[in-house]
Amino acid sequence: MNQLIQTIAVYALPVLFAITLHEAAHGYVARFFGDPTAQEAGRISINPIRHIDPMGTIVVPLVLLFVTKFMGGGLLFGWAKPVPVNWGRLRRPKQDMLWVALAGPASNLLQAIAWVLLWRLLLLTGIVQTGGDFWSQMAYAGVQVNLILMALNLVPLPPLDGGRIVFSLLPPRMAWQYGRIEPYGIVILIVLMMLGWLWPLMQPLLALGHWIVSGFL
């Protein structure tokens, strides 16, 4: 039990900020391209409380953390309350969708880099001495959680961010046909996870993320 409590303490802040800042990034970029819907809803904020979904931000990550820690395997992820985006209010809806969708995964990559830089700063100042103390473990958790969320959201399946990006890049007719998958996207994602096919889809994206982050070590 003590080990579980320690693990929760290590992962709590990284998971909370990884999920909530991901959503806030969508709102910031949507506003930049002309859609103030998130701002009107009070969701353009780095205050995690405004983005927390009790199930997706707290319960699901805790359950997956428990499964990973004590039963082996598992994929640690979660979600926050989706930031409202009215695609029709964007100045160029189809083109601007690319940047709004990309903002979430990009925020996770930047957070992974920030955790690496924080760990290096702690080493330089002597606050941490080795890689096994609490703060080093939290920094490592921050990198892993953010890269996993980045890779998961870049899977090209609507309504994930990767699906939005593909929709934006396809010619109009193909894009609308591709978008018809969206109502079934979450079911497809769950099936992929149960069959063990989701992780292989994420591996190239994870490898890319680790390669980028390693440049800051």
Protein backbone atom coordinates (compact mmCIF):
# COMPACT_ATOMS: atom_id res chain seq x y z
CA MET A 1 0.00 0.00 0.00
CA ASN A 2 2.84 2.42 0.83
CA GLN A 3 4.33 1.74 -2.58
CA LEU A 4 1.02 2.56 -4.27
CA ILE A 5 0.71 5.83 -2.32
CA GLN A 6 4.25 6.79 -3.30
CA THR A 7 3.52 6.01 -6.95
CA ILE A 8 0.35 8.13 -6.86
CA ALA A 9 2.32 11.00 -5.33
CA VAL A 10 4.96 10.72 -8.08
CA TYR A 11 2.43 10.67 -10.93
CA ALA A 12 -0.27 13.02 -9.60
CA LEU A 13 1.13 16.35 -10.81
CA PRO A 14 2.49 15.07 -14.14
CA VAL A 15 -0.83 13.44 -15.04
CA LEU A 16 -2.91 16.41 -13.87
CA PHE A 17 -0.94 18.99 -15.84
CA ALA A 18 -0.40 16.77 -18.88
CA ILE A 19 -4.13 16.30 -19.33
CA THR A 20 -5.36 19.77 -18.42
CA LEU A 21 -2.72 21.80 -20.28
CA HIS A 22 -3.40 19.65 -23.33
CA GLU A 23 -7.00 20.87 -23.33
CA ALA A 24 -6.08 24.47 -22.54
CA ALA A 25 -3.72 24.50 -25.54
CA HIS A 26 -6.60 23.65 -27.85
CA GLY A 27 -8.53 26.63 -26.49
CA TYR A 28 -5.63 29.06 -26.83
CA VAL A 29 -4.96 28.12 -30.44
CA ALA A 30 -8.66 28.10 -31.37
CA ARG A 31 -8.95 31.65 -30.04
CA PHE A 32 -5.88 32.67 -32.04
CA PHE A 33 -7.56 31.44 -35.23
CA GLY A 34 -10.83 33.22 -34.51
CA ASP A 35 -12.95 30.91 -32.34
CA PRO A 36 -13.58 32.42 -28.86
CA THR A 37 -15.88 29.57 -27.75
CA ALA A 38 -13.44 28.20 -25.16
CA GLN A 39 -12.79 31.70 -23.84
CA GLU A 40 -16.51 32.35 -23.50
CA ALA A 41 -16.80 29.12 -21.52
CA GLY A 42 -13.96 30.14 -19.20
CA ARG A 43 -11.77 27.28 -20.40
CA ILE A 44 -8.74 29.21 -21.63
CA SER A 45 -6.89 28.77 -18.37
CA ILE A 46 -3.92 26.88 -16.95
CA ASN A 47 -5.94 26.31 -13.78
CA PRO A 48 -6.36 22.50 -13.73
CA ILE A 49 -9.59 22.73 -11.73
CA ARG A 50 -11.38 24.20 -14.75
CA HIS A 51 -10.47 21.20 -16.90
CA ILE A 52 -10.80 18.26 -14.50
CA ASP A 53 -13.17 15.47 -15.49
CA PRO A 54 -13.70 13.37 -12.33
CA MET A 55 -13.70 10.11 -14.27
CA GLY A 56 -11.08 10.79 -16.94
CA THR A 57 -8.66 12.92 -14.93
CA ILE A 58 -8.80 11.08 -11.60
CA VAL A 59 -10.55 7.69 -11.59
CA VAL A 60 -9.28 6.19 -14.87
CA PRO A 61 -5.59 7.15 -14.35
CA LEU A 62 -5.71 5.80 -10.78
CA VAL A 63 -7.25 2.50 -11.89
CA LEU A 64 -4.74 2.12 -14.73
CA LEU A 65 -1.91 3.02 -12.37
CA PHE A 66 -3.07 0.31 -9.97
CA VAL A 67 -3.29 -2.25 -12.79
CA THR A 68 0.14 -1.27 -14.09
CA LYS A 69 1.75 -1.40 -10.66
CA PHE A 70 0.30 -4.60 -9.27
CA MET A 71 -0.95 -6.68 -12.18
CA GLY A 72 1.63 -5.95 -14.84
CA GLY A 73 1.19 -4.16 -18.15
CA GLY A 74 -1.35 -1.47 -18.72
CA LEU A 75 -1.44 1.88 -20.47
CA LEU A 76 -1.52 5.02 -18.34
CA PHE A 77 -3.72 7.71 -19.84
CA GLY A 78 -6.76 9.82 -19.10
CA TRP A 79 -8.68 12.82 -20.32
CA ALA A 80 -10.00 16.16 -19.17
CA LYS A 81 -13.27 17.88 -20.04
CA PRO A 82 -12.94 18.59 -23.78
CA VAL A 83 -12.44 22.26 -24.52
CA PRO A 84 -15.36 23.44 -26.66
CA VAL A 85 -14.29 24.37 -30.18
CA ASN A 86 -16.76 25.62 -32.78
CA TRP A 87 -15.02 24.72 -36.00
CA GLY A 88 -17.38 26.96 -37.96
CA ARG A 89 -16.11 30.05 -36.12
CA LEU A 90 -12.53 29.51 -37.21
CA ARG A 91 -11.43 31.83 -39.98
CA ARG A 92 -10.55 28.91 -42.26
CA PRO A 93 -12.23 25.93 -40.55
CA LYS A 94 -10.63 23.01 -42.41
CA GLN A 95 -7.11 24.49 -42.55
CA ASP A 96 -7.13 25.94 -39.02
CA MET A 97 -8.37 22.63 -37.59
CA LEU A 98 -4.85 21.29 -38.20
CA TRP A 99 -3.26 23.77 -35.79
CA VAL A 100 -6.00 23.54 -33.17
CA ALA A 101 -5.70 19.73 -33.13
CA LEU A 102 -1.89 19.79 -33.15
CA ALA A 103 -1.80 22.16 -30.16
CA GLY A 104 -2.69 19.44 -27.64
CA PRO A 105 0.02 16.91 -28.54
CA ALA A 106 2.51 19.77 -28.98
CA SER A 107 1.78 20.92 -25.43
CA ASN A 108 2.56 17.41 -24.17
CA LEU A 109 5.87 17.34 -26.05
CA LEU A 110 6.80 20.73 -24.59
CA GLN A 111 5.88 19.53 -21.10
CA ALA A 112 8.07 16.44 -21.54
CA ILE A 113 10.96 18.72 -22.48
CA ALA A 114 10.17 20.97 -19.50
CA TRP A 115 10.35 18.00 -17.10
CA VAL A 116 13.77 17.06 -18.51
CA LEU A 117 15.02 20.63 -18.11
CA LEU A 118 13.64 20.78 -14.57
CA TRP A 119 15.48 17.56 -13.68
CA ARG A 120 18.72 18.96 -15.10
CA LEU A 121 18.24 22.17 -13.10
CA LEU A 122 17.69 20.18 -9.91
CA LEU A 123 20.88 18.23 -10.59
CA LEU A 124 22.89 21.39 -11.25
CA THR A 125 21.69 23.05 -8.06
CA GLY A 126 22.35 19.92 -6.01
CA ILE A 127 18.72 19.55 -4.92
CA VAL A 128 18.78 16.01 -6.28
CA GLN A 129 21.84 13.79 -6.25
CA THR A 130 20.76 10.63 -8.07
CA GLY A 131 18.04 9.37 -10.36
CA GLY A 132 16.21 7.49 -7.62
CA ASP A 133 14.89 10.27 -5.38
CA PHE A 134 11.30 11.55 -5.37
CA TRP A 135 11.84 14.55 -7.66
CA SER A 136 13.80 12.54 -10.21
CA GLN A 137 11.03 9.96 -10.27
CA MET A 138 8.43 12.72 -10.78
CA ALA A 139 10.47 14.21 -13.64
CA TYR A 140 10.74 10.80 -15.27
CA ALA A 141 6.99 10.27 -14.80
CA GLY A 142 6.36 13.69 -16.37
CA VAL A 143 8.33 12.73 -19.47
CA GLN A 144 6.70 9.32 -19.84
CA VAL A 145 3.12 10.47 -19.22
CA ASN A 146 3.38 13.37 -21.65
CA LEU A 147 4.98 11.33 -24.41
CA ILE A 148 2.33 8.62 -24.04
CA LEU A 149 -0.47 11.19 -24.21
CA MET A 150 1.17 12.83 -27.21
CA ALA A 151 1.48 9.51 -29.04
CA LEU A 152 -2.03 8.37 -28.11
CA ASN A 153 -3.62 11.59 -29.31
CA LEU A 154 -1.68 11.50 -32.58
CA VAL A 155 -3.13 8.12 -33.55
CA PRO A 156 -4.96 8.98 -36.81
CA LEU A 157 -8.42 8.09 -35.60
CA PRO A 158 -11.19 10.67 -35.13
CA PRO A 159 -12.10 12.12 -32.67
CA LEU A 160 -8.47 11.98 -31.49
CA ASP A 161 -6.25 14.90 -32.46
CA GLY A 162 -4.51 12.73 -35.05
CA GLY A 163 -7.84 12.14 -36.73
CA ARG A 164 -8.49 15.89 -36.87
CA ILE A 165 -5.06 16.44 -38.39
CA VAL A 166 -5.67 13.82 -41.09
CA PHE A 167 -9.12 15.34 -41.80
CA SER A 168 -7.51 18.74 -42.27
CA LEU A 169 -4.88 17.42 -44.69
CA LEU A 170 -7.16 15.31 -46.88
CA PRO A 171 -8.94 16.71 -49.96
CA PRO A 172 -12.49 17.88 -49.05
CA ARG A 173 -14.43 14.88 -50.38
CA MET A 174 -12.08 12.33 -48.82
CA ALA A 175 -12.02 14.34 -45.58
CA TRP A 176 -15.78 14.24 -45.14
CA GLN A 177 -15.85 10.51 -45.86
CA TYR A 178 -13.05 9.98 -43.34
CA GLY A 179 -14.92 12.08 -40.78
CA ARG A 180 -17.84 9.64 -40.86
CA ILE A 181 -15.69 7.31 -38.73
CA GLU A 182 -15.85 9.72 -35.76
CA PRO A 183 -19.02 8.36 -34.04
CA TYR A 184 -17.30 4.97 -33.84
CA GLY A 185 -13.81 6.24 -33.06
CA ILE A 186 -13.79 5.56 -29.33
CA VAL A 187 -15.20 2.04 -29.84
CA ILE A 188 -12.48 1.35 -32.43
CA LEU A 189 -9.86 2.70 -30.01
CA ILE A 190 -11.06 0.38 -27.23
CA VAL A 191 -11.04 -2.61 -29.59
CA LEU A 192 -7.50 -1.78 -30.72
CA MET A 193 -6.45 -1.58 -27.08
CA MET A 194 -8.07 -4.90 -26.17
CA LEU A 195 -6.47 -6.63 -29.15
CA GLY A 196 -3.05 -5.25 -28.25
CA TRP A 197 -2.76 -3.30 -31.52
CA LEU A 198 -2.86 0.20 -30.04
CA TRP A 199 0.61 0.11 -28.52
CA PRO A 200 2.35 -0.88 -31.81
CA LEU A 201 0.54 2.03 -33.51
CA MET A 202 1.89 4.39 -30.87
CA GLN A 203 5.47 3.08 -30.88
CA PRO A 204 6.80 5.16 -33.84
CA LEU A 205 5.31 8.31 -32.30
CA LEU A 206 6.78 7.45 -28.90
CA ALA A 207 10.17 6.82 -30.48
CA LEU A 208 10.03 10.21 -32.18
CA GLY A 209 9.10 11.89 -28.89
CA HIS A 210 11.92 10.19 -27.01
CA TRP A 211 14.38 11.17 -29.75
CA ILE A 212 13.36 14.83 -29.47
CA VAL A 213 13.43 14.85 -25.68
CA SER A 214 16.80 13.08 -25.56
CA GLY A 215 18.32 16.12 -27.23
CA PHE A 216 17.70 18.07 -24.00
CA LEU A 217 19.31 15.52 -21.66
